[in-house]
Each structure stands twice: as C-alpha cells, then as structure tokens.
Amino acid sequence: MVSKELIVNSSTGLHARPATLLVKKASSFKSDIFMEFNGKSANIKSLIGVLSLAVTKGGKITLSASGDDEVLALEEVSKLIESLQ
C-alpha cells in the first residue's frame, strides 16, 4: 500500500465535474484507491463516495492505493488532482 497527502487547489473543491474526472481516471486502474478527508474515507472509483466527502478548496486529503498497479495509480490520480483549477 502506498499513500500521499495533497492539498486540493481547485476553486470549487471536488464537486461534480472534477469528481467525475477523478472517478474515470481511478477506474482505469486495477488497484483499490481511497481518499480520506476530515476523518471520512471513500473509494474514489465511486462518484457518490467522492461527492460524499465534500472536499473543499484548500482541503488536505490523503490518497492511498493498494494493488498490482498501486504506484502508477497513485501517481496518475495525484497529477489529476493537482492539475484541477
């Protein structure tokens, strides 16, 4: 298992559009990928799960991945989150 902490810089946090992009990216990997925010955790292959976390701009999240492609999955999902404006 690998994990990484990030700050969400998207002006609207992880609302519907960026959450949808995130779910699509995460779903392309075999690994299980989770996001933790404010003590809650969700599978980021689930749109409802991501939206239920209600991540806001400046929110500190922790991503974790475990599985065959965990390192690549974490790297690619992190890049996507960091690129959101």
PDB file of N, CA and C in Angstrom:
ATOM      1  N   MET A   1       0.844  -1.182   0.000  1.00  0.00           N
ATOM      2  CA  MET A   1       0.000   0.000   0.000  1.00  0.00           C
ATOM      3  C   MET A   1       0.887   1.243   0.000  1.00  0.00           C
ATOM      4  N   VAL A   2       0.508   2.215  -0.822  1.00  0.00           N
ATOM      5  CA  VAL A   2       1.200   3.498  -0.874  1.00  0.00           C
ATOM      6  C   VAL A   2       0.193   4.599  -0.576  1.00  0.00           C
ATOM      7  N   SER A   3       0.666   5.709  -0.016  1.00  0.00           N
ATOM      8  CA  SER A   3      -0.245   6.820   0.267  1.00  0.00           C
ATOM      9  C   SER A   3       0.469   8.144   0.070  1.00  0.00           C
ATOM     10  N   LYS A   4      -0.336   9.196  -0.061  1.00  0.00           N
ATOM     11  CA  LYS A   4       0.209  10.523  -0.321  1.00  0.00           C
ATOM     12  C   LYS A   4      -0.793  11.568   0.153  1.00  0.00           C
ATOM     13  N   GLU A   5      -0.277  12.644   0.738  1.00  0.00           N
ATOM     14  CA  GLU A   5      -1.138  13.755   1.154  1.00  0.00           C
ATOM     15  C   GLU A   5      -1.072  14.854   0.104  1.00  0.00           C
ATOM     16  N   LEU A   6      -2.236  15.470  -0.156  1.00  0.00           N
ATOM     17  CA  LEU A   6      -2.325  16.550  -1.137  1.00  0.00           C
ATOM     18  C   LEU A   6      -3.221  17.655  -0.607  1.00  0.00           C
ATOM     19  N   ILE A   7      -3.053  18.849  -1.161  1.00  0.00           N
ATOM     20  CA  ILE A   7      -3.964  19.955  -0.899  1.00  0.00           C
ATOM     21  C   ILE A   7      -4.755  20.185  -2.181  1.00  0.00           C
ATOM     22  N   VAL A   8      -6.083  20.245  -2.074  1.00  0.00           N
ATOM     23  CA  VAL A   8      -6.946  20.457  -3.242  1.00  0.00           C
ATOM     24  C   VAL A   8      -6.949  21.947  -3.566  1.00  0.00           C
ATOM     25  N   ASN A   9      -6.479  22.301  -4.760  1.00  0.00           N
ATOM     26  CA  ASN A   9      -6.396  23.707  -5.170  1.00  0.00           C
ATOM     27  C   ASN A   9      -7.529  24.141  -6.082  1.00  0.00           C
ATOM     28  N   SER A  10      -8.376  23.215  -6.491  1.00  0.00           N
ATOM     29  CA  SER A  10      -9.499  23.551  -7.356  1.00  0.00           C
ATOM     30  C   SER A  10     -10.387  24.574  -6.653  1.00  0.00           C
ATOM     31  N   SER A  11     -10.751  25.639  -7.366  1.00  0.00           N
ATOM     32  CA  SER A  11     -11.515  26.730  -6.760  1.00  0.00           C
ATOM     33  C   SER A  11     -12.852  26.284  -6.188  1.00  0.00           C
ATOM     34  N   THR A  12     -13.384  25.189  -6.691  1.00  0.00           N
ATOM     35  CA  THR A  12     -14.673  24.697  -6.196  1.00  0.00           C
ATOM     36  C   THR A  12     -14.545  23.388  -5.426  1.00  0.00           C
ATOM     37  N   GLY A  13     -13.321  22.995  -5.093  1.00  0.00           N
ATOM     38  CA  GLY A  13     -13.132  21.720  -4.407  1.00  0.00           C
ATOM     39  C   GLY A  13     -13.368  20.573  -5.376  1.00  0.00           C
ATOM     40  N   LEU A  14     -13.810  19.451  -4.860  1.00  0.00           N
ATOM     41  CA  LEU A  14     -14.085  18.293  -5.728  1.00  0.00           C
ATOM     42  C   LEU A  14     -15.587  18.141  -5.915  1.00  0.00           C
ATOM     43  N   HIS A  15     -16.194  19.069  -6.651  1.00  0.00           N
ATOM     44  CA  HIS A  15     -17.625  18.985  -6.947  1.00  0.00           C
ATOM     45  C   HIS A  15     -17.843  18.049  -8.134  1.00  0.00           C
ATOM     46  N   ALA A  16     -18.997  18.068  -8.737  1.00  0.00           N
ATOM     47  CA  ALA A  16     -19.397  17.072  -9.740  1.00  0.00           C
ATOM     48  C   ALA A  16     -18.430  16.896 -10.914  1.00  0.00           C
ATOM     49  N   ARG A  17     -18.029  17.972 -11.583  1.00  0.00           N
ATOM     50  CA  ARG A  17     -17.190  17.814 -12.771  1.00  0.00           C
ATOM     51  C   ARG A  17     -15.818  17.240 -12.435  1.00  0.00           C
ATOM     52  N   PRO A  18     -15.068  17.846 -11.508  1.00  0.00           N
ATOM     53  CA  PRO A  18     -13.756  17.251 -11.204  1.00  0.00           C
ATOM     54  C   PRO A  18     -13.868  15.870 -10.561  1.00  0.00           C
ATOM     55  N   ALA A  19     -14.921  15.640  -9.802  1.00  0.00           N
ATOM     56  CA  ALA A  19     -15.107  14.320  -9.189  1.00  0.00           C
ATOM     57  C   ALA A  19     -15.330  13.270 -10.267  1.00  0.00           C
ATOM     58  N   THR A  20     -16.064  13.622 -11.312  1.00  0.00           N
ATOM     59  CA  THR A  20     -16.304  12.689 -12.416  1.00  0.00           C
ATOM     60  C   THR A  20     -14.997  12.353 -13.127  1.00  0.00           C
ATOM     61  N   LEU A  21     -14.160  13.361 -13.365  1.00  0.00           N
ATOM     62  CA  LEU A  21     -12.848  13.115 -13.984  1.00  0.00           C
ATOM     63  C   LEU A  21     -12.005  12.202 -13.109  1.00  0.00           C
ATOM     64  N   LEU A  22     -12.060  12.433 -11.811  1.00  0.00           N
ATOM     65  CA  LEU A  22     -11.295  11.638 -10.857  1.00  0.00           C
ATOM     66  C   LEU A  22     -11.743  10.173 -10.863  1.00  0.00           C
ATOM     67  N   VAL A  23     -13.046   9.947 -10.861  1.00  0.00           N
ATOM     68  CA  VAL A  23     -13.590   8.582 -10.872  1.00  0.00           C
ATOM     69  C   VAL A  23     -13.196   7.864 -12.159  1.00  0.00           C
ATOM     70  N   LYS A  24     -13.275   8.573 -13.296  1.00  0.00           N
ATOM     71  CA  LYS A  24     -12.884   7.962 -14.574  1.00  0.00           C
ATOM     72  C   LYS A  24     -11.421   7.547 -14.551  1.00  0.00           C
ATOM     73  N   LYS A  25     -10.551   8.426 -14.060  1.00  0.00           N
ATOM     74  CA  LYS A  25      -9.121   8.128 -14.000  1.00  0.00           C
ATOM     75  C   LYS A  25      -8.864   6.946 -13.063  1.00  0.00           C
ATOM     76  N   ALA A  26      -9.457   6.987 -11.868  1.00  0.00           N
ATOM     77  CA  ALA A  26      -9.240   5.925 -10.878  1.00  0.00           C
ATOM     78  C   ALA A  26      -9.745   4.577 -11.380  1.00  0.00           C
ATOM     79  N   SER A  27     -10.840   4.597 -12.116  1.00  0.00           N
ATOM     80  CA  SER A  27     -11.445   3.350 -12.605  1.00  0.00           C
ATOM     81  C   SER A  27     -10.597   2.669 -13.669  1.00  0.00           C
ATOM     82  N   SER A  28      -9.619   3.372 -14.214  1.00  0.00           N
ATOM     83  CA  SER A  28      -8.769   2.764 -15.241  1.00  0.00           C
ATOM     84  C   SER A  28      -7.656   1.901 -14.639  1.00  0.00           C
ATOM     85  N   PHE A  29      -7.585   1.855 -13.307  1.00  0.00           N
ATOM     86  CA  PHE A  29      -6.558   1.065 -12.625  1.00  0.00           C
ATOM     87  C   PHE A  29      -7.177  -0.127 -11.907  1.00  0.00           C
ATOM     88  N   LYS A  30      -6.377  -1.184 -11.743  1.00  0.00           N
ATOM     89  CA  LYS A  30      -6.831  -2.381 -11.035  1.00  0.00           C
ATOM     90  C   LYS A  30      -6.836  -2.175  -9.522  1.00  0.00           C
ATOM     91  N   SER A  31      -5.934  -1.342  -9.042  1.00  0.00           N
ATOM     92  CA  SER A  31      -5.769  -1.131  -7.598  1.00  0.00           C
ATOM     93  C   SER A  31      -6.997  -0.500  -6.955  1.00  0.00           C
ATOM     94  N   ASP A  32      -7.144  -0.768  -5.658  1.00  0.00           N
ATOM     95  CA  ASP A  32      -8.154  -0.079  -4.862  1.00  0.00           C
ATOM     96  C   ASP A  32      -7.560   1.263  -4.474  1.00  0.00           C
ATOM     97  N   ILE A  33      -8.311   2.334  -4.681  1.00  0.00           N
ATOM     98  CA  ILE A  33      -7.813   3.682  -4.391  1.00  0.00           C
ATOM     99  C   ILE A  33      -8.832   4.384  -3.493  1.00  0.00           C
ATOM    100  N   PHE A  34      -8.342   4.892  -2.371  1.00  0.00           N
ATOM    101  CA  PHE A  34      -9.217   5.555  -1.409  1.00  0.00           C
ATOM    102  C   PHE A  34      -8.735   6.968  -1.132  1.00  0.00           C
ATOM    103  N   MET A  35      -9.688   7.823  -0.768  1.00  0.00           N
ATOM    104  CA  MET A  35      -9.396   9.196  -0.381  1.00  0.00           C
ATOM    105  C   MET A  35      -9.951   9.418   1.013  1.00  0.00           C
ATOM    106  N   GLU A  36      -9.163  10.076   1.855  1.00  0.00           N
ATOM    107  CA  GLU A  36      -9.612  10.397   3.203  1.00  0.00           C
ATOM    108  C   GLU A  36      -9.626  11.914   3.361  1.00  0.00           C
ATOM    109  N   PHE A  37     -10.712  12.431   3.954  1.00  0.00           N
ATOM    110  CA  PHE A  37     -10.854  13.865   4.194  1.00  0.00           C
ATOM    111  C   PHE A  37     -11.701  14.070   5.442  1.00  0.00           C
ATOM    112  N   ASN A  38     -11.206  14.858   6.367  1.00  0.00           N
ATOM    113  CA  ASN A  38     -11.925  15.142   7.626  1.00  0.00           C
ATOM    114  C   ASN A  38     -12.394  13.881   8.343  1.00  0.00           C
ATOM    115  N   GLY A  39     -11.537  12.878   8.387  1.00  0.00           N
ATOM    116  CA  GLY A  39     -11.854  11.659   9.119  1.00  0.00           C
ATOM    117  C   GLY A  39     -12.774  10.682   8.399  1.00  0.00           C
ATOM    118  N   LYS A  40     -13.213  11.039   7.178  1.00  0.00           N
ATOM    119  CA  LYS A  40     -14.052  10.132   6.392  1.00  0.00           C
ATOM    120  C   LYS A  40     -13.242   9.599   5.219  1.00  0.00           C
ATOM    121  N   SER A  41     -13.557   8.388   4.801  1.00  0.00           N
ATOM    122  CA  SER A  41     -12.839   7.759   3.710  1.00  0.00           C
ATOM    123  C   SER A  41     -13.830   7.254   2.662  1.00  0.00           C
ATOM    124  N   ALA A  42     -13.411   7.299   1.390  1.00  0.00           N
ATOM    125  CA  ALA A  42     -14.277   6.812   0.318  1.00  0.00           C
ATOM    126  C   ALA A  42     -13.433   6.208  -0.795  1.00  0.00           C
ATOM    127  N   ASN A  43     -14.007   5.228  -1.467  1.00  0.00           N
ATOM    128  CA  ASN A  43     -13.401   4.631  -2.645  1.00  0.00           C
ATOM    129  C   ASN A  43     -13.569   5.644  -3.780  1.00  0.00           C
ATOM    130  N   ILE A  44     -12.480   6.060  -4.415  1.00  0.00           N
ATOM    131  CA  ILE A  44     -12.624   7.086  -5.439  1.00  0.00           C
ATOM    132  C   ILE A  44     -13.003   6.529  -6.807  1.00  0.00           C
ATOM    133  N   LYS A  45     -13.369   5.279  -6.840  1.00  0.00           N
ATOM    134  CA  LYS A  45     -13.967   4.735  -8.052  1.00  0.00           C
ATOM    135  C   LYS A  45     -15.487   4.901  -7.986  1.00  0.00           C
ATOM    136  N   SER A  46     -15.980   5.495  -6.909  1.00  0.00           N
ATOM    137  CA  SER A  46     -17.405   5.740  -6.700  1.00  0.00           C
ATOM    138  C   SER A  46     -17.667   7.242  -6.681  1.00  0.00           C
ATOM    139  N   LEU A  47     -18.451   7.731  -7.642  1.00  0.00           N
ATOM    140  CA  LEU A  47     -18.773   9.158  -7.698  1.00  0.00           C
ATOM    141  C   LEU A  47     -19.497   9.607  -6.436  1.00  0.00           C
ATOM    142  N   ILE A  48     -20.450   8.812  -5.992  1.00  0.00           N
ATOM    143  CA  ILE A  48     -21.188   9.149  -4.764  1.00  0.00           C
ATOM    144  C   ILE A  48     -20.226   9.211  -3.576  1.00  0.00           C
ATOM    145  N   GLY A  49     -19.281   8.286  -3.528  1.00  0.00           N
ATOM    146  CA  GLY A  49     -18.302   8.273  -2.448  1.00  0.00           C
ATOM    147  C   GLY A  49     -17.460   9.541  -2.427  1.00  0.00           C
ATOM    148  N   VAL A  50     -16.974   9.952  -3.593  1.00  0.00           N
ATOM    149  CA  VAL A  50     -16.146  11.157  -3.681  1.00  0.00           C
ATOM    150  C   VAL A  50     -16.966  12.385  -3.294  1.00  0.00           C
ATOM    151  N   LEU A  51     -18.173  12.494  -3.833  1.00  0.00           N
ATOM    152  CA  LEU A  51     -19.022  13.650  -3.529  1.00  0.00           C
ATOM    153  C   LEU A  51     -19.406  13.691  -2.052  1.00  0.00           C
ATOM    154  N   SER A  52     -19.567  12.526  -1.433  1.00  0.00           N
ATOM    155  CA  SER A  52     -19.973  12.482  -0.019  1.00  0.00           C
ATOM    156  C   SER A  52     -18.899  13.038   0.917  1.00  0.00           C
ATOM    157  N   LEU A  53     -17.648  13.072   0.454  1.00  0.00           N
ATOM    158  CA  LEU A  53     -16.580  13.625   1.274  1.00  0.00           C
ATOM    159  C   LEU A  53     -16.645  15.154   1.345  1.00  0.00           C
ATOM    160  N   ALA A  54     -17.291  15.772   0.361  1.00  0.00           N
ATOM    161  CA  ALA A  54     -17.453  17.237   0.311  1.00  0.00           C
ATOM    162  C   ALA A  54     -16.113  17.966   0.483  1.00  0.00           C
ATOM    163  N   VAL A  55     -15.146  17.584  -0.343  1.00  0.00           N
ATOM    164  CA  VAL A  55     -13.812  18.192  -0.269  1.00  0.00           C
ATOM    165  C   VAL A  55     -13.879  19.619  -0.805  1.00  0.00           C
ATOM    166  N   THR A  56     -13.374  20.567  -0.023  1.00  0.00           N
ATOM    167  CA  THR A  56     -13.410  21.981  -0.388  1.00  0.00           C
ATOM    168  C   THR A  56     -12.034  22.470  -0.813  1.00  0.00           C
ATOM    169  N   LYS A  57     -11.989  23.668  -1.405  1.00  0.00           N
ATOM    170  CA  LYS A  57     -10.712  24.274  -1.806  1.00  0.00           C
ATOM    171  C   LYS A  57      -9.819  24.391  -0.574  1.00  0.00           C
ATOM    172  N   GLY A  58      -8.578  24.008  -0.743  1.00  0.00           N
ATOM    173  CA  GLY A  58      -7.632  24.062   0.365  1.00  0.00           C
ATOM    174  C   GLY A  58      -7.702  22.862   1.289  1.00  0.00           C
ATOM    175  N   GLY A  59      -8.602  21.929   0.987  1.00  0.00           N
ATOM    176  CA  GLY A  59      -8.758  20.740   1.814  1.00  0.00           C
ATOM    177  C   GLY A  59      -7.546  19.828   1.711  1.00  0.00           C
ATOM    178  N   LYS A  60      -7.112  19.300   2.841  1.00  0.00           N
ATOM    179  CA  LYS A  60      -5.981  18.370   2.877  1.00  0.00           C
ATOM    180  C   LYS A  60      -6.538  16.955   2.805  1.00  0.00           C
ATOM    181  N   ILE A  61      -6.189  16.245   1.750  1.00  0.00           N
ATOM    182  CA  ILE A  61      -6.684  14.880   1.557  1.00  0.00           C
ATOM    183  C   ILE A  61      -5.516  13.910   1.605  1.00  0.00           C
ATOM    184  N   THR A  62      -5.835  12.660   1.903  1.00  0.00           N
ATOM    185  CA  THR A  62      -4.854  11.594   1.856  1.00  0.00           C
ATOM    186  C   THR A  62      -5.356  10.554   0.861  1.00  0.00           C
ATOM    187  N   LEU A  63      -4.554  10.272  -0.139  1.00  0.00           N
ATOM    188  CA  LEU A  63      -4.869   9.226  -1.110  1.00  0.00           C
ATOM    189  C   LEU A  63      -4.084   7.982  -0.732  1.00  0.00           C
ATOM    190  N   SER A  64      -4.710   6.829  -0.885  1.00  0.00           N
ATOM    191  CA  SER A  64      -3.991   5.570  -0.671  1.00  0.00           C
ATOM    192  C   SER A  64      -4.427   4.574  -1.733  1.00  0.00           C
ATOM    193  N   ALA A  65      -3.486   3.764  -2.151  1.00  0.00           N
ATOM    194  CA  ALA A  65      -3.758   2.767  -3.188  1.00  0.00           C
ATOM    195  C   ALA A  65      -3.084   1.459  -2.806  1.00  0.00           C
ATOM    196  N   SER A  66      -3.766   0.368  -3.123  1.00  0.00           N
ATOM    197  CA  SER A  66      -3.155  -0.939  -2.924  1.00  0.00           C
ATOM    198  C   SER A  66      -3.589  -1.862  -4.046  1.00  0.00           C
ATOM    199  N   GLY A  67      -2.620  -2.573  -4.590  1.00  0.00           N
ATOM    200  CA  GLY A  67      -2.907  -3.491  -5.690  1.00  0.00           C
ATOM    201  C   GLY A  67      -1.723  -3.572  -6.636  1.00  0.00           C
ATOM    202  N   ASP A  68      -1.941  -4.253  -7.755  1.00  0.00           N
ATOM    203  CA  ASP A  68      -0.874  -4.515  -8.719  1.00  0.00           C
ATOM    204  C   ASP A  68      -0.234  -3.253  -9.288  1.00  0.00           C
ATOM    205  N   ASP A  69      -1.044  -2.225  -9.539  1.00  0.00           N
ATOM    206  CA  ASP A  69      -0.531  -1.001 -10.160  1.00  0.00           C
ATOM    207  C   ASP A  69      -0.647   0.203  -9.222  1.00  0.00           C
ATOM    208  N   GLU A  70      -0.468  -0.040  -7.918  1.00  0.00           N
ATOM    209  CA  GLU A  70      -0.704   0.991  -6.905  1.00  0.00           C
ATOM    210  C   GLU A  70       0.162   2.235  -7.076  1.00  0.00           C
ATOM    211  N   VAL A  71       1.437   2.074  -7.420  1.00  0.00           N
ATOM    212  CA  VAL A  71       2.328   3.233  -7.545  1.00  0.00           C
ATOM    213  C   VAL A  71       1.897   4.115  -8.718  1.00  0.00           C
ATOM    214  N   LEU A  72       1.652   3.504  -9.859  1.00  0.00           N
ATOM    215  CA  LEU A  72       1.207   4.258 -11.033  1.00  0.00           C
ATOM    216  C   LEU A  72      -0.161   4.895 -10.782  1.00  0.00           C
ATOM    217  N   ALA A  73      -1.058   4.151 -10.165  1.00  0.00           N
ATOM    218  CA  ALA A  73      -2.401   4.675  -9.880  1.00  0.00           C
ATOM    219  C   ALA A  73      -2.324   5.911  -8.998  1.00  0.00           C
ATOM    220  N   LEU A  74      -1.560   5.839  -7.935  1.00  0.00           N
ATOM    221  CA  LEU A  74      -1.437   6.973  -7.016  1.00  0.00           C
ATOM    222  C   LEU A  74      -0.805   8.178  -7.718  1.00  0.00           C
ATOM    223  N   GLU A  75       0.204   7.913  -8.534  1.00  0.00           N
ATOM    224  CA  GLU A  75       0.886   8.984  -9.260  1.00  0.00           C
ATOM    225  C   GLU A  75      -0.058   9.695 -10.234  1.00  0.00           C
ATOM    226  N   GLU A  76      -0.806   8.919 -11.013  1.00  0.00           N
ATOM    227  CA  GLU A  76      -1.699   9.497 -12.020  1.00  0.00           C
ATOM    228  C   GLU A  76      -2.884  10.240 -11.387  1.00  0.00           C
ATOM    229  N   VAL A  77      -3.463   9.672 -10.348  1.00  0.00           N
ATOM    230  CA  VAL A  77      -4.589  10.317  -9.668  1.00  0.00           C
ATOM    231  C   VAL A  77      -4.108  11.601  -8.989  1.00  0.00           C
ATOM    232  N   SER A  78      -2.926  11.572  -8.396  1.00  0.00           N
ATOM    233  CA  SER A  78      -2.354  12.765  -7.761  1.00  0.00           C
ATOM    234  C   SER A  78      -2.144  13.875  -8.776  1.00  0.00           C
ATOM    235  N   LYS A  79      -1.591  13.523  -9.945  1.00  0.00           N
ATOM    236  CA  LYS A  79      -1.365  14.508 -11.000  1.00  0.00           C
ATOM    237  C   LYS A  79      -2.676  15.161 -11.417  1.00  0.00           C
ATOM    238  N   LEU A  80      -3.715  14.348 -11.550  1.00  0.00           N
ATOM    239  CA  LEU A  80      -5.019  14.886 -11.950  1.00  0.00           C
ATOM    240  C   LEU A  80      -5.533  15.872 -10.907  1.00  0.00           C
ATOM    241  N   ILE A  81      -5.483  15.509  -9.660  1.00  0.00           N
ATOM    242  CA  ILE A  81      -5.975  16.395  -8.584  1.00  0.00           C
ATOM    243  C   ILE A  81      -5.170  17.687  -8.559  1.00  0.00           C
ATOM    244  N   GLU A  82      -3.858  17.599  -8.713  1.00  0.00           N
ATOM    245  CA  GLU A  82      -3.002  18.781  -8.693  1.00  0.00           C
ATOM    246  C   GLU A  82      -3.250  19.685  -9.894  1.00  0.00           C
ATOM    247  N   SER A  83      -3.716  19.118 -11.014  1.00  0.00           N
ATOM    248  CA  SER A  83      -3.942  19.915 -12.220  1.00  0.00           C
ATOM    249  C   SER A  83      -5.296  20.623 -12.222  1.00  0.00           C
ATOM    250  N   LEU A  84      -6.188  20.247 -11.331  1.00  0.00           N
ATOM    251  CA  LEU A  84      -7.526  20.859 -11.308  1.00  0.00           C
ATOM    252  C   LEU A  84      -7.445  22.309 -10.862  1.00  0.00           C
ATOM    253  N   GLN A  85      -8.093  23.180 -11.600  1.00  0.00           N
ATOM    254  CA  GLN A  85      -8.125  24.596 -11.251  1.00  0.00           C
ATOM    255  C   GLN A  85      -9.528  24.952 -10.922  1.00  0.00           C
TER     256      GLN A  85
END
